[in-house]
Amino acid sequence: MQLRKVCCHPYLFPNVEPADAPPIGEHLVTSSGKMIILDKLLSKLYKEGDHKALIFSQMTSLLDIFEDFCHLRGYTYCRIDGNTDMKSR
């Protein structure tokens, strides 16, 4: 499990995020290679028009990081996880 976390994003571990960093900032993207690639892909799709992307993760903590990323970039998103009721889905 620890290897899965480190491959996805370092902020999945406690006390790794810099203490002086803002809660939502560019450090979310630059600290992970996967987030850098995701940022490039989504920015290209977003600039070209009406494209949509589906991002899947089994870790809800990684979905929290993706949610902060979407707020940072101003992307609209719909989060569906185990806490989402059937009516909202």
Protein backbone atom coordinates (compact mmCIF):
# COMPACT_ATOMS: atom_id res chain seq x y z
CA MET A 1 0.00 0.00 0.00
CA GLN A 2 2.85 2.36 0.77
CA LEU A 3 4.27 1.85 -2.74
CA ARG A 4 0.89 2.62 -4.27
CA LYS A 5 0.74 5.85 -2.30
CA VAL A 6 4.24 6.97 -3.22
CA CYS A 7 3.56 6.27 -6.92
CA CYS A 8 0.40 8.38 -6.90
CA HIS A 9 1.27 11.45 -4.85
CA PRO A 10 3.63 12.16 -1.94
CA TYR A 11 0.98 14.14 -0.04
CA LEU A 12 -0.85 10.89 0.69
CA PHE A 13 1.63 10.44 3.54
CA PRO A 14 1.15 12.47 6.74
CA ASN A 15 3.37 15.52 7.38
CA VAL A 16 4.93 15.56 3.88
CA GLU A 17 3.24 18.72 2.64
CA PRO A 18 5.36 21.82 3.35
CA ALA A 19 4.13 23.67 6.43
CA ASP A 20 4.52 27.12 4.84
CA ALA A 21 2.70 26.15 1.60
CA PRO A 22 -0.87 27.33 1.00
CA PRO A 23 -3.54 24.60 1.21
CA ILE A 24 -4.26 24.82 -2.52
CA GLY A 25 -1.26 25.87 -4.56
CA GLU A 26 1.05 24.99 -7.41
CA HIS A 27 2.93 22.60 -5.11
CA LEU A 28 0.06 20.11 -5.58
CA VAL A 29 1.08 19.73 -9.21
CA THR A 30 4.85 20.08 -9.07
CA SER A 31 5.37 17.54 -6.30
CA SER A 32 4.10 14.58 -8.36
CA GLY A 33 5.06 13.42 -11.85
CA LYS A 34 1.60 11.99 -12.42
CA MET A 35 0.01 15.32 -11.55
CA ILE A 36 2.32 17.15 -13.95
CA ILE A 37 1.26 14.85 -16.80
CA LEU A 38 -2.41 15.09 -15.76
CA ASP A 39 -2.13 18.88 -15.72
CA LYS A 40 -0.69 18.94 -19.24
CA LEU A 41 -3.32 16.55 -20.59
CA LEU A 42 -6.29 18.29 -18.99
CA SER A 43 -5.11 21.76 -19.96
CA LYS A 44 -4.83 20.65 -23.60
CA LEU A 45 -8.29 19.05 -23.54
CA TYR A 46 -9.77 22.07 -21.75
CA LYS A 47 -8.35 24.53 -24.30
CA GLU A 48 -9.63 22.52 -27.28
CA GLY A 49 -13.27 22.60 -26.26
CA ASP A 50 -15.96 20.29 -24.97
CA HIS A 51 -13.83 17.35 -23.92
CA LYS A 52 -14.49 15.43 -20.74
CA ALA A 53 -12.17 13.23 -18.74
CA LEU A 54 -12.86 10.40 -16.33
CA ILE A 55 -10.33 10.00 -13.55
CA PHE A 56 -10.60 6.85 -11.49
CA SER A 57 -8.96 6.11 -8.18
CA GLN A 58 -9.60 3.57 -5.46
CA MET A 59 -8.20 5.91 -2.82
CA THR A 60 -10.55 8.63 -1.61
CA SER A 61 -7.59 10.55 -0.23
CA LEU A 62 -6.24 10.83 -3.77
CA LEU A 63 -9.66 12.05 -4.89
CA ASP A 64 -9.29 14.81 -2.28
CA ILE A 65 -6.02 15.86 -3.94
CA PHE A 66 -7.68 15.76 -7.37
CA GLU A 67 -10.49 17.92 -5.98
CA ASP A 68 -7.98 20.51 -4.76
CA PHE A 69 -6.28 20.35 -8.17
CA CYS A 70 -9.59 21.08 -9.93
CA HIS A 71 -10.18 24.06 -7.64
CA LEU A 72 -6.66 25.29 -8.38
CA ARG A 73 -7.14 25.14 -12.16
CA GLY A 74 -10.81 26.16 -12.18
CA TYR A 75 -12.06 22.91 -13.73
CA THR A 76 -15.62 21.80 -13.16
CA TYR A 77 -15.87 18.27 -11.83
CA CYS A 78 -18.29 15.74 -10.42
CA ARG A 79 -16.95 13.54 -7.66
CA ILE A 80 -18.61 10.17 -7.25
CA ASP A 81 -17.34 8.01 -4.43
CA GLY A 82 -18.77 5.77 -1.73
CA ASN A 83 -20.30 8.73 0.10
CA THR A 84 -22.38 9.84 -2.92
CA ASP A 85 -26.02 8.82 -2.63
CA MET A 86 -27.80 7.07 -5.52
CA LYS A 87 -30.04 10.04 -6.28
CA SER A 88 -27.07 12.34 -6.87
CA ARG A 89 -25.34 9.82 -9.13
